[in-house]
Amino acid sequence: MRFPRLRAKPLLVFGLLVALMLPLAACEDGNLRTPGNDEYYDDSRRARVRGRLTGQDGILIFGTDRSRRDDGAGSGIGVNAFLWRASLDTISFMPLSSADPFGGVIISDWYAPPAAPGERFKLTVYILGRQLRSDGLRVAVFRQIAQGGVWMDAPTSQGMAGEIEDKILARARELRIQSGDVRSASR
């Protein structure tokens, strides 16, 4: 059996050769480049790249200005540092389920007080801003009681969330005074 002889057009052959050699031509010195061991983890290189891409201070998101320094702004977290620390200190007797310092949410796990083993509590603390203000904090309290071996939701007392908020705010003020913040005396 004879196979038919294929005749390739010279232009098609040239195009295929160029398409095959194009990736090699894009490489440095015609060789494939392999990254060094620490090239992607080198912080100085990452900072240089970030500086070229975003400018001196980085990208401003949602109008935030990094040069502005208000209460707790230099802490590296997204909310007021005094309220954050005071919240953690105040509910330290309860196990934590999650804590998000950038979103300002602390969620405790269920806690059963030793004096009342038939009930348990759970807290969610919301820190709403970067300033140490009384309206920058919200606490939600959840309560359950055991009935027949099953935990059932139950109402909490009227002022329980407010009392916890007051304790957190008082602790935040203490932390602010201890830090030597000169603005603490004026507010």
N, C-alpha and C. Protein backbone atom coordinates (compact mmCIF):
# COMPACT_ATOMS: atom_id res chain seq x y z
N MET A 1 0.84 -1.17 0.00
CA MET A 1 0.00 0.00 0.00
C MET A 1 0.89 1.24 0.00
N ARG A 2 0.52 2.15 -0.83
CA ARG A 2 1.26 3.41 -0.96
C ARG A 2 0.52 4.54 -0.31
N PHE A 3 1.26 5.32 0.47
CA PHE A 3 0.66 6.48 1.10
C PHE A 3 0.78 7.68 0.19
N PRO A 4 -0.22 8.48 0.17
CA PRO A 4 -0.13 9.66 -0.69
C PRO A 4 0.92 10.62 -0.14
N ARG A 5 1.60 11.25 -0.98
CA ARG A 5 2.64 12.19 -0.61
C ARG A 5 2.01 13.55 -0.30
N LEU A 6 2.30 14.00 0.91
CA LEU A 6 1.75 15.29 1.33
C LEU A 6 2.68 16.40 0.89
N ARG A 7 2.09 17.40 0.37
CA ARG A 7 2.88 18.56 -0.03
C ARG A 7 2.49 19.73 0.87
N ALA A 8 3.45 20.14 1.64
CA ALA A 8 3.22 21.27 2.55
C ALA A 8 3.61 22.55 1.87
N LYS A 9 2.83 23.52 2.12
CA LYS A 9 3.13 24.82 1.55
C LYS A 9 4.23 25.46 2.38
N PRO A 10 5.17 26.11 1.78
CA PRO A 10 6.29 26.70 2.52
C PRO A 10 5.85 27.72 3.58
N LEU A 11 4.81 28.48 3.32
CA LEU A 11 4.35 29.48 4.28
C LEU A 11 3.79 28.82 5.55
N LEU A 12 3.07 27.71 5.38
CA LEU A 12 2.51 26.99 6.51
C LEU A 12 3.62 26.41 7.38
N VAL A 13 4.64 25.86 6.75
CA VAL A 13 5.77 25.30 7.48
C VAL A 13 6.49 26.41 8.25
N PHE A 14 6.69 27.53 7.64
CA PHE A 14 7.34 28.66 8.29
C PHE A 14 6.53 29.13 9.50
N GLY A 15 5.22 29.21 9.36
CA GLY A 15 4.35 29.62 10.45
C GLY A 15 4.41 28.66 11.63
N LEU A 16 4.45 27.37 11.36
CA LEU A 16 4.55 26.38 12.43
C LEU A 16 5.89 26.50 13.16
N LEU A 17 6.96 26.71 12.42
CA LEU A 17 8.27 26.87 13.05
C LEU A 17 8.31 28.10 13.94
N VAL A 18 7.76 29.18 13.48
CA VAL A 18 7.73 30.41 14.28
C VAL A 18 6.89 30.19 15.54
N ALA A 19 5.76 29.52 15.42
CA ALA A 19 4.90 29.27 16.58
C ALA A 19 5.59 28.37 17.60
N LEU A 20 6.39 27.43 17.13
CA LEU A 20 7.10 26.54 18.05
C LEU A 20 8.29 27.23 18.71
N MET A 21 8.92 28.18 18.03
CA MET A 21 10.11 28.82 18.56
C MET A 21 9.80 30.09 19.36
N LEU A 22 8.60 30.60 19.25
CA LEU A 22 8.23 31.82 19.95
C LEU A 22 8.38 31.70 21.47
N PRO A 23 7.94 30.62 22.12
CA PRO A 23 8.14 30.53 23.57
C PRO A 23 9.61 30.54 23.97
N LEU A 24 10.47 29.94 23.17
CA LEU A 24 11.89 29.94 23.49
C LEU A 24 12.50 31.33 23.33
N ALA A 25 12.02 32.07 22.36
CA ALA A 25 12.54 33.42 22.14
C ALA A 25 12.14 34.37 23.28
N ALA A 26 11.04 34.07 23.96
CA ALA A 26 10.58 34.92 25.04
C ALA A 26 11.39 34.72 26.32
N CYS A 27 12.10 33.60 26.43
CA CYS A 27 12.91 33.33 27.62
C CYS A 27 14.17 34.17 27.60
N GLU A 28 14.70 34.45 28.79
CA GLU A 28 15.95 35.19 28.88
C GLU A 28 17.08 34.34 28.35
N ASP A 29 17.90 34.86 27.51
CA ASP A 29 19.07 34.19 26.93
C ASP A 29 18.71 32.90 26.20
N GLY A 30 17.46 32.71 25.85
CA GLY A 30 17.06 31.51 25.14
C GLY A 30 16.96 30.29 26.03
N ASN A 31 17.20 30.43 27.32
CA ASN A 31 17.12 29.30 28.24
C ASN A 31 15.89 29.45 29.12
N LEU A 32 15.35 28.34 29.55
CA LEU A 32 14.25 28.40 30.50
C LEU A 32 14.81 28.82 31.85
N ARG A 33 14.16 29.75 32.50
CA ARG A 33 14.64 30.30 33.76
C ARG A 33 13.96 29.59 34.92
N THR A 34 14.73 29.12 35.88
CA THR A 34 14.16 28.51 37.07
C THR A 34 14.38 29.48 38.24
N PRO A 35 13.35 29.68 39.07
CA PRO A 35 13.48 30.62 40.18
C PRO A 35 14.42 30.07 41.25
N GLY A 36 15.07 31.00 41.96
CA GLY A 36 15.93 30.61 43.06
C GLY A 36 15.12 30.12 44.25
N ASN A 37 15.78 29.53 45.22
CA ASN A 37 15.09 28.94 46.36
C ASN A 37 14.27 29.96 47.14
N ASP A 38 14.85 31.11 47.45
CA ASP A 38 14.16 32.09 48.29
C ASP A 38 13.62 33.27 47.50
N GLU A 39 13.55 33.15 46.20
CA GLU A 39 13.15 34.30 45.39
C GLU A 39 11.74 34.76 45.70
N TYR A 40 10.82 33.84 45.92
CA TYR A 40 9.44 34.23 46.16
C TYR A 40 9.16 34.54 47.63
N TYR A 41 10.11 34.25 48.51
CA TYR A 41 9.91 34.50 49.92
C TYR A 41 10.80 35.62 50.45
N ASP A 42 11.49 36.29 49.57
CA ASP A 42 12.40 37.36 49.96
C ASP A 42 11.58 38.63 50.18
N ASP A 43 11.51 39.09 51.43
CA ASP A 43 10.69 40.25 51.76
C ASP A 43 11.19 41.53 51.12
N SER A 44 12.51 41.68 50.97
CA SER A 44 13.03 42.90 50.37
C SER A 44 12.60 42.99 48.91
N ARG A 45 12.63 41.88 48.20
CA ARG A 45 12.19 41.89 46.80
C ARG A 45 10.68 42.15 46.73
N ARG A 46 9.92 41.54 47.63
CA ARG A 46 8.47 41.73 47.64
C ARG A 46 8.14 43.19 47.88
N ALA A 47 8.90 43.84 48.78
CA ALA A 47 8.65 45.26 49.06
C ALA A 47 8.97 46.12 47.85
N ARG A 48 10.05 45.79 47.13
CA ARG A 48 10.38 46.56 45.92
C ARG A 48 9.29 46.41 44.88
N VAL A 49 8.79 45.19 44.70
CA VAL A 49 7.73 44.96 43.72
C VAL A 49 6.47 45.69 44.14
N ARG A 50 6.11 45.60 45.42
CA ARG A 50 4.91 46.27 45.90
C ARG A 50 5.03 47.77 45.72
N GLY A 51 6.22 48.32 45.96
CA GLY A 51 6.42 49.75 45.79
C GLY A 51 6.26 50.19 44.35
N ARG A 52 6.70 49.35 43.41
CA ARG A 52 6.54 49.70 42.00
C ARG A 52 5.09 49.62 41.56
N LEU A 53 4.34 48.65 42.11
CA LEU A 53 2.97 48.45 41.66
C LEU A 53 1.97 49.39 42.28
N THR A 54 2.20 49.76 43.55
CA THR A 54 1.17 50.51 44.25
C THR A 54 1.59 51.88 44.72
N GLY A 55 2.80 52.27 44.52
CA GLY A 55 3.25 53.56 45.00
C GLY A 55 3.84 53.45 46.38
N GLN A 56 4.20 54.56 46.97
CA GLN A 56 4.90 54.57 48.25
C GLN A 56 4.10 53.95 49.38
N ASP A 57 2.83 54.33 49.54
CA ASP A 57 2.05 53.89 50.69
C ASP A 57 1.07 52.77 50.37
N GLY A 58 1.09 52.24 49.18
CA GLY A 58 0.17 51.18 48.83
C GLY A 58 -1.13 51.72 48.27
N ILE A 59 -2.05 50.83 48.02
CA ILE A 59 -3.34 51.18 47.44
C ILE A 59 -4.27 51.66 48.55
N LEU A 60 -4.98 52.74 48.33
CA LEU A 60 -5.97 53.21 49.28
C LEU A 60 -7.30 52.53 48.95
N ILE A 61 -7.84 51.80 49.93
CA ILE A 61 -9.08 51.07 49.72
C ILE A 61 -10.18 51.75 50.52
N PHE A 62 -11.30 52.01 49.89
CA PHE A 62 -12.46 52.62 50.51
C PHE A 62 -12.13 53.95 51.17
N GLY A 63 -11.17 54.68 50.63
CA GLY A 63 -10.86 56.01 51.11
C GLY A 63 -10.08 56.07 52.40
N THR A 64 -9.51 54.96 52.84
CA THR A 64 -8.73 55.00 54.07
C THR A 64 -7.37 55.59 53.79
N ASP A 65 -6.89 56.41 54.69
CA ASP A 65 -5.60 57.06 54.54
C ASP A 65 -4.66 56.52 55.60
N ARG A 66 -3.60 55.87 55.17
CA ARG A 66 -2.69 55.23 56.11
C ARG A 66 -1.87 56.24 56.91
N SER A 67 -1.77 57.44 56.43
CA SER A 67 -0.99 58.44 57.17
C SER A 67 -1.78 59.00 58.34
N ARG A 68 -3.08 58.81 58.36
CA ARG A 68 -3.92 59.31 59.45
C ARG A 68 -3.81 58.34 60.63
N ARG A 69 -3.51 58.88 61.79
CA ARG A 69 -3.30 58.05 62.97
C ARG A 69 -4.32 58.44 64.03
N ASP A 70 -5.40 57.66 64.15
CA ASP A 70 -6.32 57.94 65.24
C ASP A 70 -6.22 56.81 66.26
N ASP A 71 -7.15 56.72 67.18
CA ASP A 71 -7.06 55.79 68.31
C ASP A 71 -6.78 54.37 67.85
N GLY A 72 -5.65 53.83 68.24
CA GLY A 72 -5.33 52.45 67.94
C GLY A 72 -4.95 52.18 66.51
N ALA A 73 -4.72 53.22 65.72
CA ALA A 73 -4.48 53.01 64.30
C ALA A 73 -3.15 52.34 64.02
N GLY A 74 -2.16 52.50 64.86
CA GLY A 74 -0.86 51.91 64.61
C GLY A 74 -0.74 50.48 65.08
N SER A 75 -1.82 49.84 65.42
CA SER A 75 -1.77 48.53 66.03
C SER A 75 -1.64 47.40 65.03
N GLY A 76 -1.90 47.64 63.76
CA GLY A 76 -1.84 46.57 62.78
C GLY A 76 -3.12 45.77 62.69
N ILE A 77 -4.16 46.16 63.41
CA ILE A 77 -5.44 45.48 63.30
C ILE A 77 -6.45 46.47 62.72
N GLY A 78 -7.58 45.97 62.29
CA GLY A 78 -8.54 46.81 61.59
C GLY A 78 -9.48 47.60 62.47
N VAL A 79 -9.44 47.38 63.78
CA VAL A 79 -10.36 48.06 64.70
C VAL A 79 -9.56 48.72 65.81
N ASN A 80 -10.23 49.38 66.72
CA ASN A 80 -9.57 50.04 67.83
C ASN A 80 -8.85 49.02 68.70
N ALA A 81 -7.57 49.22 68.91
CA ALA A 81 -6.75 48.25 69.64
C ALA A 81 -7.16 48.15 71.11
N PHE A 82 -7.57 49.26 71.71
CA PHE A 82 -7.97 49.23 73.11
C PHE A 82 -9.27 48.45 73.30
N LEU A 83 -10.24 48.68 72.41
CA LEU A 83 -11.49 47.92 72.49
C LEU A 83 -11.26 46.44 72.22
N TRP A 84 -10.38 46.14 71.28
CA TRP A 84 -10.07 44.74 70.95
C TRP A 84 -9.47 44.02 72.17
N ARG A 85 -8.44 44.63 72.75
CA ARG A 85 -7.76 44.00 73.89
C ARG A 85 -8.70 43.91 75.09
N ALA A 86 -9.48 44.97 75.32
CA ALA A 86 -10.41 44.98 76.45
C ALA A 86 -11.50 43.91 76.28
N SER A 87 -11.96 43.71 75.06
CA SER A 87 -12.96 42.67 74.81
C SER A 87 -12.40 41.29 75.11
N LEU A 88 -11.19 41.05 74.64
CA LEU A 88 -10.56 39.75 74.91
C LEU A 88 -10.32 39.55 76.41
N ASP A 89 -9.89 40.62 77.10
CA ASP A 89 -9.66 40.52 78.54
C ASP A 89 -10.96 40.25 79.30
N THR A 90 -12.01 40.95 78.91
CA THR A 90 -13.27 40.86 79.63
C THR A 90 -13.92 39.49 79.49
N ILE A 91 -13.86 38.91 78.32
CA ILE A 91 -14.50 37.60 78.12
C ILE A 91 -13.48 36.45 78.15
N SER A 92 -12.34 36.69 78.80
CA SER A 92 -11.29 35.68 78.82
C SER A 92 -11.69 34.41 79.57
N PHE A 93 -12.70 34.47 80.41
CA PHE A 93 -13.16 33.29 81.14
C PHE A 93 -13.93 32.32 80.24
N MET A 94 -14.34 32.79 79.06
CA MET A 94 -15.10 31.96 78.13
C MET A 94 -14.18 31.43 77.02
N PRO A 95 -14.41 30.22 76.55
CA PRO A 95 -13.61 29.72 75.43
C PRO A 95 -13.98 30.48 74.15
N LEU A 96 -12.99 30.75 73.31
CA LEU A 96 -13.25 31.48 72.06
C LEU A 96 -13.51 30.50 70.92
N SER A 97 -14.48 30.85 70.11
CA SER A 97 -14.76 30.08 68.90
C SER A 97 -14.01 30.67 67.72
N SER A 98 -14.05 32.01 67.60
CA SER A 98 -13.29 32.70 66.56
C SER A 98 -13.07 34.15 66.95
N ALA A 99 -12.01 34.71 66.37
CA ALA A 99 -11.68 36.12 66.62
C ALA A 99 -11.09 36.69 65.34
N ASP A 100 -11.71 37.73 64.81
CA ASP A 100 -11.26 38.36 63.58
C ASP A 100 -10.87 39.81 63.88
N PRO A 101 -9.55 40.09 64.03
CA PRO A 101 -9.13 41.44 64.40
C PRO A 101 -9.32 42.47 63.29
N PHE A 102 -9.46 42.04 62.05
CA PHE A 102 -9.65 42.99 60.96
C PHE A 102 -11.12 43.33 60.78
N GLY A 103 -11.99 42.36 60.99
CA GLY A 103 -13.42 42.62 60.90
C GLY A 103 -14.00 43.08 62.22
N GLY A 104 -13.27 42.86 63.33
CA GLY A 104 -13.72 43.31 64.63
C GLY A 104 -14.80 42.45 65.24
N VAL A 105 -14.74 41.13 65.02
CA VAL A 105 -15.75 40.23 65.56
C VAL A 105 -15.08 39.18 66.43
N ILE A 106 -15.59 39.02 67.65
CA ILE A 106 -15.13 37.98 68.56
C ILE A 106 -16.35 37.12 68.90
N ILE A 107 -16.23 35.83 68.68
CA ILE A 107 -17.33 34.91 68.97
C ILE A 107 -16.82 33.89 69.99
N SER A 108 -17.52 33.81 71.12
CA SER A 108 -17.14 32.83 72.13
C SER A 108 -17.85 31.52 71.85
N ASP A 109 -17.35 30.48 72.48
CA ASP A 109 -18.03 29.19 72.45
C ASP A 109 -18.99 29.17 73.64
N TRP A 110 -19.81 28.15 73.73
CA TRP A 110 -20.75 28.06 74.85
C TRP A 110 -19.99 27.89 76.15
N TYR A 111 -20.45 28.61 77.17
CA TYR A 111 -19.84 28.57 78.50
C TYR A 111 -20.93 28.31 79.53
N ALA A 112 -20.73 27.28 80.35
CA ALA A 112 -21.67 26.97 81.43
C ALA A 112 -21.05 27.40 82.74
N PRO A 113 -21.65 28.37 83.44
CA PRO A 113 -21.09 28.79 84.73
C PRO A 113 -21.14 27.64 85.74
N PRO A 114 -20.11 27.51 86.56
CA PRO A 114 -20.09 26.42 87.55
C PRO A 114 -21.27 26.48 88.53
N ALA A 115 -21.75 27.69 88.81
CA ALA A 115 -22.86 27.84 89.76
C ALA A 115 -24.20 27.41 89.16
N ALA A 116 -24.32 27.39 87.85
CA ALA A 116 -25.58 27.03 87.20
C ALA A 116 -25.29 26.07 86.03
N PRO A 117 -25.11 24.79 86.31
CA PRO A 117 -24.76 23.85 85.25
C PRO A 117 -25.88 23.60 84.24
N GLY A 118 -27.10 24.00 84.54
CA GLY A 118 -28.22 23.77 83.63
C GLY A 118 -28.42 24.89 82.62
N GLU A 119 -27.54 25.86 82.59
CA GLU A 119 -27.64 26.92 81.58
C GLU A 119 -26.26 27.24 81.03
N ARG A 120 -26.25 27.78 79.82
CA ARG A 120 -24.98 28.16 79.19
C ARG A 120 -25.17 29.43 78.38
N PHE A 121 -24.05 30.12 78.15
CA PHE A 121 -24.07 31.41 77.48
C PHE A 121 -23.06 31.43 76.34
N LYS A 122 -23.35 32.25 75.38
CA LYS A 122 -22.45 32.48 74.25
C LYS A 122 -22.50 33.97 73.94
N LEU A 123 -21.32 34.56 73.61
CA LEU A 123 -21.25 35.99 73.32
C LEU A 123 -20.71 36.23 71.91
N THR A 124 -21.19 37.29 71.30
CA THR A 124 -20.60 37.81 70.07
C THR A 124 -20.35 39.29 70.30
N VAL A 125 -19.08 39.68 70.17
CA VAL A 125 -18.68 41.07 70.38
C VAL A 125 -18.36 41.66 69.02
N TYR A 126 -18.97 42.80 68.71
CA TYR A 126 -18.72 43.51 67.46
C TYR A 126 -18.04 44.83 67.79
N ILE A 127 -16.84 45.04 67.27
CA ILE A 127 -16.16 46.32 67.41
C ILE A 127 -16.37 47.04 66.08
N LEU A 128 -17.03 48.18 66.14
CA LEU A 128 -17.56 48.82 64.95
C LEU A 128 -16.68 49.90 64.34
N GLY A 129 -15.59 50.25 64.97
CA GLY A 129 -14.78 51.33 64.40
C GLY A 129 -13.38 51.37 64.97
N ARG A 130 -12.65 52.37 64.55
CA ARG A 130 -11.26 52.54 64.99
C ARG A 130 -11.12 53.53 66.13
N GLN A 131 -12.21 54.11 66.57
CA GLN A 131 -12.14 55.08 67.65
C GLN A 131 -12.69 54.47 68.93
N LEU A 132 -12.14 54.90 70.05
CA LEU A 132 -12.60 54.43 71.36
C LEU A 132 -13.81 55.27 71.74
N ARG A 133 -14.98 54.75 71.39
CA ARG A 133 -16.25 55.42 71.68
C ARG A 133 -17.25 54.39 72.18
N SER A 134 -18.22 54.84 72.94
CA SER A 134 -19.20 53.91 73.49
C SER A 134 -20.10 53.31 72.40
N ASP A 135 -20.30 54.03 71.31
CA ASP A 135 -21.13 53.48 70.24
C ASP A 135 -20.31 52.66 69.24
N GLY A 136 -19.05 52.42 69.54
CA GLY A 136 -18.19 51.63 68.67
C GLY A 136 -18.13 50.17 69.07
N LEU A 137 -19.09 49.74 69.92
CA LEU A 137 -19.06 48.39 70.47
C LEU A 137 -20.48 47.86 70.62
N ARG A 138 -20.71 46.63 70.21
CA ARG A 138 -22.00 45.96 70.41
C ARG A 138 -21.73 44.54 70.89
N VAL A 139 -22.54 44.09 71.85
CA VAL A 139 -22.42 42.73 72.37
C VAL A 139 -23.77 42.04 72.22
N ALA A 140 -23.74 40.84 71.69
CA ALA A 140 -24.95 40.01 71.61
C ALA A 140 -24.75 38.82 72.54
N VAL A 141 -25.73 38.58 73.41
CA VAL A 141 -25.65 37.49 74.38
C VAL A 141 -26.71 36.46 74.02
N PHE A 142 -26.30 35.20 74.01
CA PHE A 142 -27.20 34.09 73.73
C PHE A 142 -27.20 33.17 74.95
N ARG A 143 -28.39 32.69 75.31
CA ARG A 143 -28.53 31.84 76.50
C ARG A 143 -29.35 30.61 76.14
N GLN A 144 -28.92 29.48 76.69
CA GLN A 144 -29.67 28.24 76.54
C GLN A 144 -29.79 27.56 77.89
N ILE A 145 -30.91 26.86 78.07
CA ILE A 145 -31.10 26.07 79.30
C ILE A 145 -31.34 24.62 78.90
N ALA A 146 -30.93 23.73 79.80
CA ALA A 146 -31.09 22.29 79.53
C ALA A 146 -32.47 21.85 80.01
N GLN A 147 -33.23 21.24 79.11
CA GLN A 147 -34.56 20.71 79.45
C GLN A 147 -34.64 19.29 78.90
N GLY A 148 -34.62 18.33 79.80
CA GLY A 148 -34.71 16.93 79.39
C GLY A 148 -33.50 16.48 78.58
N GLY A 149 -32.33 17.02 78.87
CA GLY A 149 -31.11 16.62 78.17
C GLY A 149 -30.90 17.33 76.84
N VAL A 150 -31.79 18.27 76.50
CA VAL A 150 -31.69 19.02 75.25
C VAL A 150 -31.55 20.50 75.58
N TRP A 151 -30.63 21.18 74.89
CA TRP A 151 -30.43 22.61 75.11
C TRP A 151 -31.48 23.39 74.33
N MET A 152 -32.20 24.23 75.02
CA MET A 152 -33.25 25.05 74.42
C MET A 152 -32.88 26.52 74.57
N ASP A 153 -33.16 27.33 73.55
CA ASP A 153 -32.90 28.76 73.62
C ASP A 153 -33.79 29.40 74.69
N ALA A 154 -33.22 30.37 75.39
CA ALA A 154 -33.94 31.06 76.46
C ALA A 154 -33.60 32.54 76.38
N PRO A 155 -34.50 33.39 76.83
CA PRO A 155 -34.22 34.85 76.81
C PRO A 155 -33.17 35.20 77.87
N THR A 156 -32.45 36.27 77.59
CA THR A 156 -31.47 36.78 78.55
C THR A 156 -32.09 37.94 79.31
N SER A 157 -31.46 38.32 80.40
CA SER A 157 -31.97 39.47 81.15
C SER A 157 -31.77 40.74 80.33
N GLN A 158 -32.59 41.72 80.58
CA GLN A 158 -32.62 42.94 79.78
C GLN A 158 -31.26 43.64 79.66
N GLY A 159 -30.55 43.80 80.74
CA GLY A 159 -29.35 44.62 80.72
C GLY A 159 -28.04 43.85 80.61
N MET A 160 -28.10 42.55 80.35
CA MET A 160 -26.88 41.75 80.35
C MET A 160 -25.88 42.22 79.29
N ALA A 161 -26.33 42.43 78.08
CA ALA A 161 -25.44 42.89 77.00
C ALA A 161 -24.86 44.26 77.32
N GLY A 162 -25.69 45.14 77.87
CA GLY A 162 -25.23 46.48 78.24
C GLY A 162 -24.19 46.45 79.35
N GLU A 163 -24.36 45.53 80.32
CA GLU A 163 -23.38 45.41 81.40
C GLU A 163 -22.03 44.94 80.86
N ILE A 164 -22.05 44.00 79.95
CA ILE A 164 -20.79 43.50 79.35
C ILE A 164 -20.13 44.60 78.53
N GLU A 165 -20.94 45.36 77.78
CA GLU A 165 -20.39 46.49 77.01
C GLU A 165 -19.73 47.50 77.94
N ASP A 166 -20.39 47.81 79.07
CA ASP A 166 -19.81 48.77 80.03
C ASP A 166 -18.49 48.27 80.61
N LYS A 167 -18.40 46.97 80.91
CA LYS A 167 -17.16 46.40 81.44
C LYS A 167 -16.04 46.48 80.40
N ILE A 168 -16.38 46.19 79.15
CA ILE A 168 -15.37 46.26 78.08
C ILE A 168 -14.89 47.70 77.90
N LEU A 169 -15.82 48.66 77.90
CA LEU A 169 -15.45 50.07 77.75
C LEU A 169 -14.59 50.56 78.91
N ALA A 170 -14.93 50.14 80.13
CA ALA A 170 -14.12 50.54 81.29
C ALA A 170 -12.71 49.97 81.18
N ARG A 171 -12.61 48.72 80.77
CA ARG A 171 -11.28 48.10 80.61
C ARG A 171 -10.50 48.79 79.49
N ALA A 172 -11.17 49.17 78.42
CA ALA A 172 -10.51 49.86 77.30
C ALA A 172 -9.96 51.21 77.76
N ARG A 173 -10.72 51.91 78.59
CA ARG A 173 -10.23 53.19 79.12
C ARG A 173 -9.00 52.98 80.00
N GLU A 174 -9.03 51.92 80.82
CA GLU A 174 -7.87 51.60 81.66
C GLU A 174 -6.64 51.32 80.80
N LEU A 175 -6.82 50.54 79.76
CA LEU A 175 -5.70 50.21 78.88
C LEU A 175 -5.16 51.46 78.19
N ARG A 176 -6.05 52.36 77.83
CA ARG A 176 -5.63 53.59 77.17
C ARG A 176 -4.81 54.46 78.12
N ILE A 177 -5.24 54.55 79.36
CA ILE A 177 -4.51 55.33 80.35
C ILE A 177 -3.16 54.69 80.64
N GLN A 178 -3.12 53.37 80.77
CA GLN A 178 -1.87 52.65 81.02
C GLN A 178 -0.88 52.81 79.87
N SER A 179 -1.39 52.97 78.67
CA SER A 179 -0.50 53.10 77.51
C SER A 179 0.19 54.46 77.46
N GLY A 180 -0.30 55.41 78.27
CA GLY A 180 0.30 56.74 78.28
C GLY A 180 -0.20 57.62 77.17
N ASP A 181 -1.33 57.29 76.59
CA ASP A 181 -1.91 58.09 75.53
C ASP A 181 -2.34 59.43 76.11
N VAL A 182 -1.75 60.51 75.64
CA VAL A 182 -2.02 61.85 76.20
C VAL A 182 -3.45 62.30 75.91
N ARG A 183 -4.06 61.77 74.88
CA ARG A 183 -5.43 62.15 74.56
C ARG A 183 -6.43 61.56 75.53
N SER A 184 -6.01 60.56 76.35
CA SER A 184 -6.95 59.89 77.24
C SER A 184 -7.48 60.82 78.31
N ALA A 185 -6.72 61.80 78.73
CA ALA A 185 -7.17 62.71 79.78
C ALA A 185 -8.24 63.66 79.27
N SER A 186 -8.25 63.95 77.98
CA SER A 186 -9.21 64.90 77.46
C SER A 186 -10.53 64.28 77.09
N ARG A 187 -10.60 62.96 77.02
CA ARG A 187 -11.86 62.34 76.60
C ARG A 187 -12.53 61.59 77.69
